[in-house]
Amino acid sequence: MPIIELSGICKVYRTKEIETTALDNINMSVEKGEFVSVMGPSGCGKSTLLNITGLLDRPTAGTVRLLDRDCNGLSDTALSHFRNENIGFVFQSFHLIPSLSVEDNVELPLDYRNGLSGADRRRRVDEVLERLGLSHRKKHMPSQLSGGQCQRVAIARAIVGRPSIILADEPTGNLDSRMGAEVMDLLHDLNTTDGITIVMVTHNELQAKQTDRIVRFFDGRIIS
């Protein structure tokens, strides 16, 4: 079974005066271990797709199945637990908490896990920071890091919970070409070595061509 399966997904935003269709009958599946790029012009529904796939938003219509589980009927609390245990997020603007150190930012998802002691959480954090070459920065604040280092911290936070899926929204969009290449190398390593399934929104055609498959969006629909 696909690890991600979206069937008939529609998302409509309504106000008193206007109705906007962000996604229009999306059918898409991703196999376990795939690295898939999603491309298309700004405003075509790519980020909405990630938000619905990542259970941050609910579709207006259609079904979301992740890891062979129908997620439509889950309560908000159940969705939060499922998301925390199975999905890691990486964003263009990092979304690090400026008042927390590197190690505390990375540990944050584990604070919501039952059954993990403080020592277990710190051990996982140390292992991830060592892998990403950030051990010497763990006491630093985000303001003391470069953009590339901030994105590596964000990736560390995404994988510290050992997710099956990573959803990345323009993960190299705020980085120069060298740092962007380093982040892509890291994502490829997580995909090939750890078997993590990755769905990445990008405008970078060269980076997209490095992935297994490109899904192209236009006006809320998949066109190829």
N, C-alpha and C. Protein backbone atom coordinates (compact mmCIF):
# COMPACT_ATOMS: atom_id res chain seq x y z
N MET A 1 0.84 -1.20 0.00
CA MET A 1 0.00 0.00 0.00
C MET A 1 0.88 1.25 0.00
N PRO A 2 0.43 2.33 -0.68
CA PRO A 2 1.18 3.59 -0.62
C PRO A 2 1.26 4.10 0.82
N ILE A 3 2.35 4.77 1.14
CA ILE A 3 2.47 5.36 2.48
C ILE A 3 1.64 6.64 2.57
N ILE A 4 1.44 7.31 1.42
CA ILE A 4 0.57 8.49 1.33
C ILE A 4 -0.42 8.24 0.20
N GLU A 5 -1.70 8.41 0.49
CA GLU A 5 -2.72 8.24 -0.54
C GLU A 5 -3.79 9.32 -0.38
N LEU A 6 -3.87 10.20 -1.36
CA LEU A 6 -4.86 11.27 -1.38
C LEU A 6 -5.87 10.94 -2.47
N SER A 7 -7.14 10.92 -2.10
CA SER A 7 -8.20 10.53 -3.04
C SER A 7 -9.28 11.61 -3.10
N GLY A 8 -9.46 12.21 -4.27
CA GLY A 8 -10.52 13.19 -4.48
C GLY A 8 -10.42 14.41 -3.58
N ILE A 9 -9.19 14.84 -3.30
CA ILE A 9 -9.00 15.94 -2.35
C ILE A 9 -9.39 17.28 -2.97
N CYS A 10 -10.31 17.97 -2.31
CA CYS A 10 -10.69 19.34 -2.66
C CYS A 10 -10.51 20.21 -1.43
N LYS A 11 -10.09 21.44 -1.65
CA LYS A 11 -10.00 22.41 -0.56
C LYS A 11 -10.52 23.74 -1.07
N VAL A 12 -11.59 24.21 -0.42
CA VAL A 12 -12.24 25.46 -0.81
C VAL A 12 -12.21 26.40 0.39
N TYR A 13 -11.74 27.62 0.16
CA TYR A 13 -11.74 28.67 1.18
C TYR A 13 -12.88 29.64 0.85
N ARG A 14 -13.72 29.89 1.84
CA ARG A 14 -14.88 30.75 1.61
C ARG A 14 -14.86 31.94 2.54
N THR A 15 -15.20 33.10 1.99
CA THR A 15 -15.50 34.28 2.78
C THR A 15 -16.91 34.71 2.39
N LYS A 16 -17.37 35.82 2.95
CA LYS A 16 -18.72 36.29 2.62
C LYS A 16 -18.85 36.66 1.14
N GLU A 17 -17.74 37.09 0.54
CA GLU A 17 -17.82 37.64 -0.80
C GLU A 17 -17.20 36.76 -1.88
N ILE A 18 -16.36 35.82 -1.50
CA ILE A 18 -15.63 35.08 -2.52
C ILE A 18 -15.39 33.64 -2.08
N GLU A 19 -15.30 32.77 -3.07
CA GLU A 19 -14.98 31.37 -2.84
C GLU A 19 -13.76 31.02 -3.68
N THR A 20 -12.73 30.47 -3.05
CA THR A 20 -11.49 30.15 -3.74
C THR A 20 -11.21 28.66 -3.62
N THR A 21 -11.02 28.01 -4.76
CA THR A 21 -10.69 26.59 -4.77
C THR A 21 -9.17 26.45 -4.83
N ALA A 22 -8.58 25.98 -3.74
CA ALA A 22 -7.13 25.81 -3.68
C ALA A 22 -6.69 24.47 -4.25
N LEU A 23 -7.50 23.43 -4.03
CA LEU A 23 -7.23 22.10 -4.58
C LEU A 23 -8.50 21.56 -5.20
N ASP A 24 -8.37 20.98 -6.39
CA ASP A 24 -9.53 20.55 -7.15
C ASP A 24 -9.37 19.08 -7.57
N ASN A 25 -9.96 18.18 -6.77
CA ASN A 25 -10.01 16.75 -7.08
C ASN A 25 -8.61 16.16 -7.29
N ILE A 26 -7.80 16.25 -6.24
CA ILE A 26 -6.43 15.74 -6.29
C ILE A 26 -6.40 14.26 -5.94
N ASN A 27 -5.83 13.47 -6.83
CA ASN A 27 -5.58 12.05 -6.57
C ASN A 27 -4.08 11.82 -6.70
N MET A 28 -3.46 11.40 -5.62
CA MET A 28 -2.00 11.29 -5.62
C MET A 28 -1.59 10.25 -4.59
N SER A 29 -0.63 9.41 -4.96
CA SER A 29 -0.11 8.44 -4.02
C SER A 29 1.41 8.47 -4.05
N VAL A 30 2.01 8.16 -2.90
CA VAL A 30 3.47 8.13 -2.76
C VAL A 30 3.84 6.82 -2.08
N GLU A 31 4.75 6.10 -2.70
CA GLU A 31 5.18 4.82 -2.15
C GLU A 31 6.20 5.03 -1.04
N LYS A 32 6.30 4.06 -0.16
CA LYS A 32 7.28 4.10 0.91
C LYS A 32 8.69 4.20 0.31
N GLY A 33 9.47 5.16 0.81
CA GLY A 33 10.84 5.33 0.36
C GLY A 33 11.01 6.22 -0.85
N GLU A 34 9.92 6.74 -1.40
CA GLU A 34 10.03 7.65 -2.53
C GLU A 34 10.47 9.04 -2.08
N PHE A 35 11.13 9.77 -3.00
CA PHE A 35 11.45 11.18 -2.83
C PHE A 35 10.76 11.90 -3.98
N VAL A 36 9.69 12.62 -3.68
CA VAL A 36 8.83 13.24 -4.69
C VAL A 36 8.92 14.75 -4.60
N SER A 37 9.08 15.41 -5.74
CA SER A 37 9.04 16.87 -5.80
C SER A 37 7.68 17.32 -6.30
N VAL A 38 7.21 18.43 -5.75
CA VAL A 38 5.96 19.06 -6.20
C VAL A 38 6.31 20.45 -6.71
N MET A 39 5.95 20.71 -7.97
CA MET A 39 6.31 21.99 -8.60
C MET A 39 5.08 22.67 -9.18
N GLY A 40 5.20 23.98 -9.36
CA GLY A 40 4.13 24.76 -9.95
C GLY A 40 4.28 26.21 -9.58
N PRO A 41 3.57 27.10 -10.24
CA PRO A 41 3.68 28.54 -9.94
C PRO A 41 3.14 28.87 -8.55
N SER A 42 3.52 30.01 -8.05
CA SER A 42 3.05 30.46 -6.73
C SER A 42 1.53 30.54 -6.74
N GLY A 43 0.92 30.10 -5.63
CA GLY A 43 -0.53 30.19 -5.49
C GLY A 43 -1.31 29.08 -6.16
N CYS A 44 -0.61 28.02 -6.61
CA CYS A 44 -1.33 26.96 -7.34
C CYS A 44 -1.81 25.84 -6.43
N GLY A 45 -1.50 25.91 -5.12
CA GLY A 45 -2.02 24.92 -4.19
C GLY A 45 -0.99 23.98 -3.59
N LYS A 46 0.29 24.21 -3.87
CA LYS A 46 1.33 23.29 -3.40
C LYS A 46 1.42 23.24 -1.88
N SER A 47 1.46 24.39 -1.24
CA SER A 47 1.56 24.43 0.22
C SER A 47 0.28 23.91 0.88
N THR A 48 -0.86 24.18 0.26
CA THR A 48 -2.12 23.62 0.77
C THR A 48 -2.07 22.10 0.73
N LEU A 49 -1.51 21.56 -0.34
CA LEU A 49 -1.36 20.12 -0.45
C LEU A 49 -0.52 19.57 0.70
N LEU A 50 0.60 20.23 1.01
CA LEU A 50 1.45 19.76 2.11
C LEU A 50 0.72 19.87 3.44
N ASN A 51 -0.01 20.95 3.64
CA ASN A 51 -0.73 21.13 4.91
C ASN A 51 -1.77 20.04 5.12
N ILE A 52 -2.45 19.65 4.05
CA ILE A 52 -3.46 18.60 4.17
C ILE A 52 -2.79 17.24 4.33
N THR A 53 -1.73 16.99 3.57
CA THR A 53 -1.00 15.73 3.70
C THR A 53 -0.41 15.59 5.10
N GLY A 54 0.06 16.71 5.66
CA GLY A 54 0.66 16.69 6.99
C GLY A 54 -0.34 16.82 8.13
N LEU A 55 -1.62 16.80 7.81
CA LEU A 55 -2.70 16.83 8.81
C LEU A 55 -2.72 18.14 9.60
N LEU A 56 -2.18 19.19 8.99
CA LEU A 56 -2.27 20.52 9.59
C LEU A 56 -3.57 21.21 9.20
N ASP A 57 -4.22 20.70 8.16
CA ASP A 57 -5.49 21.25 7.69
C ASP A 57 -6.33 20.08 7.20
N ARG A 58 -7.63 20.26 7.19
CA ARG A 58 -8.54 19.22 6.72
C ARG A 58 -9.07 19.58 5.35
N PRO A 59 -9.26 18.58 4.48
CA PRO A 59 -9.82 18.88 3.16
C PRO A 59 -11.31 19.19 3.23
N THR A 60 -11.79 19.94 2.27
CA THR A 60 -13.23 20.18 2.15
C THR A 60 -13.93 18.89 1.72
N ALA A 61 -13.27 18.13 0.87
CA ALA A 61 -13.78 16.83 0.42
C ALA A 61 -12.60 15.94 0.10
N GLY A 62 -12.86 14.62 0.11
CA GLY A 62 -11.81 13.67 -0.22
C GLY A 62 -11.25 12.97 1.00
N THR A 63 -10.35 12.02 0.77
CA THR A 63 -9.82 11.16 1.82
C THR A 63 -8.31 11.22 1.87
N VAL A 64 -7.78 11.32 3.08
CA VAL A 64 -6.34 11.28 3.32
C VAL A 64 -6.02 9.98 4.06
N ARG A 65 -5.19 9.14 3.45
CA ARG A 65 -4.71 7.93 4.10
C ARG A 65 -3.19 8.01 4.23
N LEU A 66 -2.70 7.83 5.45
CA LEU A 66 -1.27 7.82 5.70
C LEU A 66 -0.92 6.53 6.44
N LEU A 67 0.13 5.85 5.97
CA LEU A 67 0.55 4.59 6.57
C LEU A 67 -0.64 3.63 6.68
N ASP A 68 -1.46 3.61 5.63
CA ASP A 68 -2.64 2.73 5.52
C ASP A 68 -3.68 3.02 6.59
N ARG A 69 -3.75 4.26 7.05
CA ARG A 69 -4.76 4.65 8.03
C ARG A 69 -5.59 5.80 7.50
N ASP A 70 -6.89 5.67 7.56
CA ASP A 70 -7.80 6.73 7.16
C ASP A 70 -7.77 7.81 8.23
N CYS A 71 -7.29 8.99 7.86
CA CYS A 71 -7.11 10.06 8.84
C CYS A 71 -8.30 11.01 8.92
N ASN A 72 -9.28 10.87 8.04
CA ASN A 72 -10.39 11.82 7.99
C ASN A 72 -11.20 11.85 9.28
N GLY A 73 -11.40 10.69 9.88
CA GLY A 73 -12.28 10.63 11.05
C GLY A 73 -11.59 10.85 12.38
N LEU A 74 -10.29 11.10 12.36
CA LEU A 74 -9.57 11.28 13.61
C LEU A 74 -9.90 12.62 14.25
N SER A 75 -9.96 12.63 15.57
CA SER A 75 -10.17 13.88 16.30
C SER A 75 -8.91 14.74 16.18
N ASP A 76 -9.03 16.00 16.55
CA ASP A 76 -7.87 16.89 16.52
C ASP A 76 -6.74 16.37 17.41
N THR A 77 -7.10 15.83 18.56
CA THR A 77 -6.08 15.28 19.47
C THR A 77 -5.39 14.08 18.85
N ALA A 78 -6.18 13.18 18.26
CA ALA A 78 -5.61 11.99 17.60
C ALA A 78 -4.74 12.39 16.42
N LEU A 79 -5.17 13.40 15.66
CA LEU A 79 -4.37 13.89 14.55
C LEU A 79 -3.02 14.42 15.04
N SER A 80 -3.04 15.16 16.14
CA SER A 80 -1.80 15.71 16.68
C SER A 80 -0.83 14.61 17.08
N HIS A 81 -1.35 13.58 17.74
CA HIS A 81 -0.48 12.46 18.14
C HIS A 81 0.07 11.73 16.92
N PHE A 82 -0.79 11.46 15.95
CA PHE A 82 -0.37 10.76 14.74
C PHE A 82 0.69 11.57 14.00
N ARG A 83 0.46 12.86 13.88
CA ARG A 83 1.40 13.75 13.19
C ARG A 83 2.75 13.77 13.91
N ASN A 84 2.71 13.89 15.23
CA ASN A 84 3.95 13.97 16.01
C ASN A 84 4.78 12.71 15.88
N GLU A 85 4.13 11.55 15.77
CA GLU A 85 4.85 10.28 15.75
C GLU A 85 5.32 9.88 14.34
N ASN A 86 4.70 10.44 13.30
CA ASN A 86 4.95 9.90 11.96
C ASN A 86 5.43 10.90 10.92
N ILE A 87 5.30 12.20 11.19
CA ILE A 87 5.60 13.20 10.16
C ILE A 87 6.57 14.24 10.69
N GLY A 88 7.59 14.55 9.89
CA GLY A 88 8.50 15.65 10.19
C GLY A 88 8.31 16.76 9.17
N PHE A 89 8.39 18.00 9.62
CA PHE A 89 8.17 19.16 8.74
C PHE A 89 9.44 20.00 8.63
N VAL A 90 9.72 20.45 7.41
CA VAL A 90 10.82 21.38 7.16
C VAL A 90 10.26 22.53 6.32
N PHE A 91 10.46 23.77 6.78
CA PHE A 91 9.88 24.93 6.12
C PHE A 91 10.97 25.85 5.57
N GLN A 92 10.58 26.68 4.62
CA GLN A 92 11.52 27.62 4.02
C GLN A 92 12.10 28.59 5.04
N SER A 93 11.26 29.06 5.96
CA SER A 93 11.69 30.08 6.92
C SER A 93 12.09 29.47 8.27
N PHE A 94 12.39 28.18 8.28
CA PHE A 94 12.96 27.46 9.42
C PHE A 94 11.98 27.25 10.58
N HIS A 95 11.27 28.31 11.00
CA HIS A 95 10.32 28.24 12.11
C HIS A 95 10.99 27.75 13.41
N LEU A 96 12.21 28.19 13.65
CA LEU A 96 12.84 27.93 14.94
C LEU A 96 12.33 28.94 15.95
N ILE A 97 12.26 28.53 17.22
CA ILE A 97 11.83 29.44 18.27
C ILE A 97 13.05 30.23 18.75
N PRO A 98 13.06 31.55 18.54
CA PRO A 98 14.27 32.33 18.78
C PRO A 98 14.74 32.35 20.23
N SER A 99 13.82 32.11 21.17
CA SER A 99 14.19 32.16 22.59
C SER A 99 14.73 30.83 23.11
N LEU A 100 14.77 29.80 22.25
CA LEU A 100 15.27 28.48 22.65
C LEU A 100 16.60 28.20 21.98
N SER A 101 17.46 27.48 22.69
CA SER A 101 18.74 27.07 22.12
C SER A 101 18.52 26.03 21.02
N VAL A 102 19.60 25.72 20.32
CA VAL A 102 19.53 24.70 19.26
C VAL A 102 19.01 23.38 19.82
N GLU A 103 19.58 22.92 20.92
CA GLU A 103 19.17 21.62 21.45
C GLU A 103 17.73 21.64 21.95
N ASP A 104 17.28 22.77 22.49
CA ASP A 104 15.90 22.85 22.95
C ASP A 104 14.91 22.91 21.78
N ASN A 105 15.30 23.58 20.69
CA ASN A 105 14.46 23.58 19.50
C ASN A 105 14.30 22.17 18.94
N VAL A 106 15.40 21.43 18.90
CA VAL A 106 15.36 20.08 18.35
C VAL A 106 14.56 19.14 19.24
N GLU A 107 14.64 19.34 20.54
CA GLU A 107 13.95 18.47 21.49
C GLU A 107 12.44 18.69 21.52
N LEU A 108 12.00 19.82 21.04
CA LEU A 108 10.60 20.24 21.22
C LEU A 108 9.58 19.17 20.82
N PRO A 109 9.71 18.50 19.66
CA PRO A 109 8.69 17.48 19.32
C PRO A 109 8.64 16.33 20.31
N LEU A 110 9.76 16.03 20.96
CA LEU A 110 9.80 14.92 21.90
C LEU A 110 9.12 15.26 23.22
N ASP A 111 8.94 16.54 23.49
CA ASP A 111 8.27 16.95 24.72
C ASP A 111 6.82 16.50 24.75
N TYR A 112 6.28 16.16 23.57
CA TYR A 112 4.87 15.75 23.47
C TYR A 112 4.73 14.25 23.29
N ARG A 113 5.83 13.52 23.47
CA ARG A 113 5.81 12.06 23.36
C ARG A 113 5.66 11.44 24.75
N ASN A 114 4.75 10.50 24.85
CA ASN A 114 4.60 9.77 26.10
C ASN A 114 5.67 8.67 26.18
N GLY A 115 6.14 8.41 27.39
CA GLY A 115 7.03 7.29 27.60
C GLY A 115 8.49 7.57 27.35
N LEU A 116 8.87 8.81 27.04
CA LEU A 116 10.27 9.16 26.84
C LEU A 116 10.75 9.97 28.04
N SER A 117 11.77 9.47 28.72
CA SER A 117 12.33 10.20 29.86
C SER A 117 13.16 11.37 29.35
N GLY A 118 13.48 12.26 30.26
CA GLY A 118 14.34 13.39 29.89
C GLY A 118 15.68 12.94 29.35
N ALA A 119 16.23 11.89 29.95
CA ALA A 119 17.52 11.36 29.48
C ALA A 119 17.40 10.78 28.08
N ASP A 120 16.28 10.09 27.80
CA ASP A 120 16.05 9.54 26.46
C ASP A 120 15.94 10.65 25.42
N ARG A 121 15.22 11.71 25.78
CA ARG A 121 15.07 12.82 24.85
C ARG A 121 16.41 13.46 24.53
N ARG A 122 17.20 13.71 25.56
CA ARG A 122 18.51 14.35 25.35
C ARG A 122 19.44 13.45 24.55
N ARG A 123 19.36 12.15 24.75
CA ARG A 123 20.21 11.24 24.00
C ARG A 123 19.84 11.28 22.51
N ARG A 124 18.56 11.29 22.22
CA ARG A 124 18.13 11.37 20.82
C ARG A 124 18.59 12.69 20.19
N VAL A 125 18.44 13.78 20.93
CA VAL A 125 18.86 15.08 20.43
C VAL A 125 20.35 15.09 20.13
N ASP A 126 21.15 14.58 21.06
CA ASP A 126 22.60 14.55 20.87
C ASP A 126 22.97 13.71 19.66
N GLU A 127 22.28 12.58 19.45
CA GLU A 127 22.58 11.71 18.31
C GLU A 127 22.29 12.44 16.99
N VAL A 128 21.17 13.13 16.93
CA VAL A 128 20.80 13.83 15.70
C VAL A 128 21.73 15.00 15.43
N LEU A 129 22.07 15.76 16.46
CA LEU A 129 22.96 16.90 16.27
C LEU A 129 24.35 16.44 15.84
N GLU A 130 24.80 15.32 16.38
CA GLU A 130 26.09 14.76 15.97
C GLU A 130 26.04 14.37 14.49
N ARG A 131 24.98 13.74 14.08
CA ARG A 131 24.86 13.30 12.69
C ARG A 131 24.87 14.48 11.73
N LEU A 132 24.23 15.57 12.13
CA LEU A 132 24.13 16.73 11.25
C LEU A 132 25.26 17.74 11.43
N GLY A 133 26.26 17.37 12.24
CA GLY A 133 27.42 18.23 12.42
C GLY A 133 27.13 19.50 13.20
N LEU A 134 26.21 19.39 14.16
CA LEU A 134 25.78 20.59 14.91
C LEU A 134 26.07 20.47 16.41
N SER A 135 26.80 19.45 16.81
CA SER A 135 27.02 19.25 18.25
C SER A 135 27.68 20.47 18.89
N HIS A 136 28.60 21.10 18.17
CA HIS A 136 29.31 22.26 18.73
C HIS A 136 28.44 23.51 18.78
N ARG A 137 27.25 23.43 18.21
CA ARG A 137 26.34 24.58 18.20
C ARG A 137 25.13 24.38 19.11
N LYS A 138 25.07 23.31 19.86
CA LYS A 138 23.81 22.97 20.53
C LYS A 138 23.40 23.98 21.60
N LYS A 139 24.34 24.74 22.14
CA LYS A 139 24.00 25.74 23.14
C LYS A 139 23.75 27.12 22.51
N HIS A 140 23.96 27.23 21.21
CA HIS A 140 23.76 28.50 20.54
C HIS A 140 22.27 28.79 20.35
N MET A 141 21.97 30.08 20.16
CA MET A 141 20.62 30.51 19.83
C MET A 141 20.49 30.64 18.31
N PRO A 142 19.28 30.53 17.77
CA PRO A 142 19.12 30.64 16.31
C PRO A 142 19.73 31.90 15.71
N SER A 143 19.70 33.01 16.45
CA SER A 143 20.26 34.26 15.93
C SER A 143 21.77 34.20 15.75
N GLN A 144 22.41 33.22 16.34
CA GLN A 144 23.87 33.07 16.24
C GLN A 144 24.28 32.12 15.12
N LEU A 145 23.32 31.65 14.33
CA LEU A 145 23.59 30.67 13.29
C LEU A 145 23.42 31.27 11.90
N SER A 146 24.08 30.66 10.93
CA SER A 146 23.85 31.02 9.53
C SER A 146 22.54 30.42 9.05
N GLY A 147 22.10 30.84 7.86
CA GLY A 147 20.86 30.29 7.31
C GLY A 147 20.95 28.79 7.10
N GLY A 148 22.09 28.35 6.58
CA GLY A 148 22.26 26.91 6.37
C GLY A 148 22.24 26.13 7.66
N GLN A 149 22.85 26.68 8.71
CA GLN A 149 22.83 26.01 10.02
C GLN A 149 21.42 25.97 10.59
N CYS A 150 20.67 27.07 10.42
CA CYS A 150 19.28 27.09 10.90
C CYS A 150 18.45 26.01 10.21
N GLN A 151 18.68 25.83 8.91
CA GLN A 151 17.90 24.81 8.21
C GLN A 151 18.32 23.42 8.65
N ARG A 152 19.58 23.20 8.98
CA ARG A 152 20.03 21.91 9.49
C ARG A 152 19.40 21.64 10.86
N VAL A 153 19.27 22.68 11.67
CA VAL A 153 18.59 22.53 12.96
C VAL A 153 17.13 22.15 12.72
N ALA A 154 16.49 22.80 11.74
CA ALA A 154 15.09 22.49 11.44
C ALA A 154 14.95 21.04 10.97
N ILE A 155 15.91 20.56 10.19
CA ILE A 155 15.87 19.16 9.75
C ILE A 155 16.11 18.23 10.93
N ALA A 156 17.03 18.61 11.82
CA ALA A 156 17.26 17.81 13.03
C ALA A 156 15.98 17.69 13.84
N ARG A 157 15.27 18.79 13.98
CA ARG A 157 13.99 18.77 14.71
C ARG A 157 12.98 17.87 14.00
N ALA A 158 13.00 17.88 12.66
CA ALA A 158 12.05 17.07 11.89
C ALA A 158 12.30 15.58 12.04
N ILE A 159 13.57 15.17 12.23
CA ILE A 159 13.88 13.74 12.24
C ILE A 159 14.11 13.18 13.63
N VAL A 160 14.16 14.04 14.66
CA VAL A 160 14.47 13.53 16.00
C VAL A 160 13.42 12.55 16.50
N GLY A 161 12.19 12.69 16.01
CA GLY A 161 11.12 11.77 16.40
C GLY A 161 11.06 10.52 15.56
N ARG A 162 12.03 10.35 14.65
CA ARG A 162 12.12 9.17 13.77
C ARG A 162 10.84 8.98 12.95
N PRO A 163 10.49 9.98 12.14
CA PRO A 163 9.25 9.90 11.36
C PRO A 163 9.40 8.98 10.16
N SER A 164 8.27 8.56 9.62
CA SER A 164 8.24 7.81 8.37
C SER A 164 8.21 8.73 7.16
N ILE A 165 7.72 9.96 7.37
CA ILE A 165 7.50 10.91 6.28
C ILE A 165 8.10 12.26 6.65
N ILE A 166 8.77 12.90 5.69
CA ILE A 166 9.18 14.29 5.83
C ILE A 166 8.47 15.10 4.75
N LEU A 167 7.84 16.19 5.15
CA LEU A 167 7.23 17.13 4.23
C LEU A 167 8.05 18.41 4.26
N ALA A 168 8.60 18.79 3.12
CA ALA A 168 9.50 19.94 3.05
C ALA A 168 8.93 20.98 2.10
N ASP A 169 8.72 22.19 2.60
CA ASP A 169 8.15 23.28 1.81
C ASP A 169 9.26 24.28 1.48
N GLU A 170 9.76 24.23 0.26
CA GLU A 170 10.86 25.10 -0.19
C GLU A 170 12.03 25.09 0.80
N PRO A 171 12.59 23.93 1.12
CA PRO A 171 13.61 23.86 2.17
C PRO A 171 14.91 24.58 1.84
N THR A 172 15.16 24.89 0.55
CA THR A 172 16.37 25.62 0.18
C THR A 172 16.06 27.03 -0.31
N GLY A 173 14.81 27.46 -0.17
CA GLY A 173 14.39 28.73 -0.75
C GLY A 173 15.09 29.94 -0.19
N ASN A 174 15.54 29.90 1.08
CA ASN A 174 16.22 31.04 1.70
C ASN A 174 17.73 30.86 1.77
N LEU A 175 18.26 29.89 1.02
CA LEU A 175 19.68 29.58 1.11
C LEU A 175 20.39 29.86 -0.21
N ASP A 176 21.71 30.15 -0.12
CA ASP A 176 22.48 30.29 -1.35
C ASP A 176 22.71 28.91 -1.96
N SER A 177 23.28 28.87 -3.15
CA SER A 177 23.38 27.62 -3.89
C SER A 177 24.21 26.57 -3.16
N ARG A 178 25.30 27.00 -2.50
CA ARG A 178 26.14 26.02 -1.80
C ARG A 178 25.41 25.41 -0.62
N MET A 179 24.79 26.26 0.21
CA MET A 179 24.05 25.75 1.36
C MET A 179 22.83 24.95 0.91
N GLY A 180 22.20 25.39 -0.18
CA GLY A 180 21.07 24.63 -0.70
C GLY A 180 21.47 23.23 -1.12
N ALA A 181 22.65 23.12 -1.75
CA ALA A 181 23.14 21.81 -2.17
C ALA A 181 23.42 20.93 -0.96
N GLU A 182 23.94 21.52 0.13
CA GLU A 182 24.21 20.75 1.35
C GLU A 182 22.91 20.22 1.95
N VAL A 183 21.88 21.04 1.96
CA VAL A 183 20.59 20.60 2.49
C VAL A 183 20.01 19.48 1.63
N MET A 184 20.14 19.61 0.31
CA MET A 184 19.64 18.55 -0.57
C MET A 184 20.41 17.25 -0.35
N ASP A 185 21.72 17.35 -0.16
CA ASP A 185 22.52 16.15 0.13
C ASP A 185 22.03 15.47 1.40
N LEU A 186 21.70 16.29 2.40
CA LEU A 186 21.21 15.75 3.66
C LEU A 186 19.86 15.06 3.49
N LEU A 187 18.96 15.67 2.73
CA LEU A 187 17.65 15.06 2.49
C LEU A 187 17.80 13.75 1.72
N HIS A 188 18.70 13.74 0.74
CA HIS A 188 18.93 12.50 -0.01
C HIS A 188 19.48 11.40 0.90
N ASP A 189 20.33 11.78 1.83
CA ASP A 189 20.89 10.78 2.76
C ASP A 189 19.79 10.21 3.66
N LEU A 190 18.91 11.08 4.14
CA LEU A 190 17.80 10.61 4.99
C LEU A 190 16.88 9.68 4.19
N ASN A 191 16.71 9.98 2.91
CA ASN A 191 15.86 9.16 2.05
C ASN A 191 16.49 7.80 1.76
N THR A 192 17.75 7.79 1.37
CA THR A 192 18.39 6.55 0.94
C THR A 192 18.88 5.71 2.11
N THR A 193 19.42 6.36 3.15
CA THR A 193 19.99 5.62 4.28
C THR A 193 18.93 5.21 5.28
N ASP A 194 18.01 6.13 5.59
CA ASP A 194 17.00 5.86 6.61
C ASP A 194 15.68 5.37 6.02
N GLY A 195 15.53 5.51 4.71
CA GLY A 195 14.29 5.08 4.07
C GLY A 195 13.11 5.99 4.33
N ILE A 196 13.38 7.25 4.72
CA ILE A 196 12.30 8.19 4.99
C ILE A 196 11.69 8.66 3.67
N THR A 197 10.38 8.60 3.59
CA THR A 197 9.65 9.10 2.42
C THR A 197 9.60 10.62 2.49
N ILE A 198 9.94 11.29 1.38
CA ILE A 198 10.00 12.75 1.37
C ILE A 198 9.14 13.31 0.25
N VAL A 199 8.32 14.30 0.60
CA VAL A 199 7.59 15.09 -0.40
C VAL A 199 8.07 16.53 -0.25
N MET A 200 8.62 17.08 -1.32
CA MET A 200 9.25 18.40 -1.25
C MET A 200 8.64 19.34 -2.28
N VAL A 201 8.12 20.47 -1.81
CA VAL A 201 7.70 21.55 -2.69
C VAL A 201 8.93 22.37 -3.04
N THR A 202 9.11 22.65 -4.32
CA THR A 202 10.27 23.43 -4.74
C THR A 202 9.97 24.18 -6.04
N HIS A 203 10.69 25.29 -6.23
CA HIS A 203 10.68 25.99 -7.52
C HIS A 203 11.97 25.71 -8.29
N ASN A 204 12.87 24.93 -7.69
CA ASN A 204 14.17 24.69 -8.27
C ASN A 204 14.13 23.44 -9.16
N GLU A 205 14.16 23.66 -10.47
CA GLU A 205 14.04 22.55 -11.42
C GLU A 205 15.20 21.57 -11.30
N LEU A 206 16.41 22.08 -11.08
CA LEU A 206 17.57 21.20 -10.99
C LEU A 206 17.47 20.29 -9.77
N GLN A 207 17.02 20.85 -8.63
CA GLN A 207 16.86 20.03 -7.44
C GLN A 207 15.73 19.02 -7.63
N ALA A 208 14.66 19.44 -8.28
CA ALA A 208 13.53 18.53 -8.51
C ALA A 208 13.95 17.34 -9.35
N LYS A 209 14.82 17.57 -10.32
CA LYS A 209 15.27 16.49 -11.20
C LYS A 209 16.15 15.48 -10.47
N GLN A 210 16.62 15.83 -9.27
CA GLN A 210 17.42 14.90 -8.48
C GLN A 210 16.54 13.92 -7.69
N THR A 211 15.23 14.13 -7.71
CA THR A 211 14.31 13.29 -6.93
C THR A 211 13.72 12.21 -7.83
N ASP A 212 12.99 11.28 -7.24
CA ASP A 212 12.46 10.14 -7.98
C ASP A 212 11.38 10.53 -8.99
N ARG A 213 10.62 11.56 -8.65
CA ARG A 213 9.44 11.87 -9.46
C ARG A 213 9.05 13.32 -9.24
N ILE A 214 8.54 13.97 -10.28
CA ILE A 214 8.05 15.35 -10.18
C ILE A 214 6.56 15.37 -10.45
N VAL A 215 5.81 15.95 -9.52
CA VAL A 215 4.37 16.15 -9.70
C VAL A 215 4.16 17.64 -9.94
N ARG A 216 3.56 17.98 -11.07
CA ARG A 216 3.40 19.40 -11.44
C ARG A 216 1.95 19.85 -11.22
N PHE A 217 1.84 21.01 -10.57
CA PHE A 217 0.54 21.60 -10.23
C PHE A 217 0.29 22.86 -11.06
N PHE A 218 -0.99 23.10 -11.33
CA PHE A 218 -1.40 24.37 -11.92
C PHE A 218 -2.86 24.61 -11.55
N ASP A 219 -3.13 25.76 -10.94
CA ASP A 219 -4.49 26.14 -10.54
C ASP A 219 -5.19 25.05 -9.74
N GLY A 220 -4.48 24.49 -8.77
CA GLY A 220 -5.09 23.52 -7.87
C GLY A 220 -5.28 22.14 -8.42
N ARG A 221 -4.71 21.86 -9.59
CA ARG A 221 -4.83 20.54 -10.19
C ARG A 221 -3.47 19.98 -10.55
N ILE A 222 -3.38 18.67 -10.55
CA ILE A 222 -2.18 18.01 -11.04
C ILE A 222 -2.26 17.94 -12.56
N ILE A 223 -1.24 18.48 -13.24
CA ILE A 223 -1.25 18.49 -14.71
C ILE A 223 -0.28 17.46 -15.29
N SER A 224 0.67 16.99 -14.50
CA SER A 224 1.56 15.92 -14.98
C SER A 224 2.29 15.31 -13.79
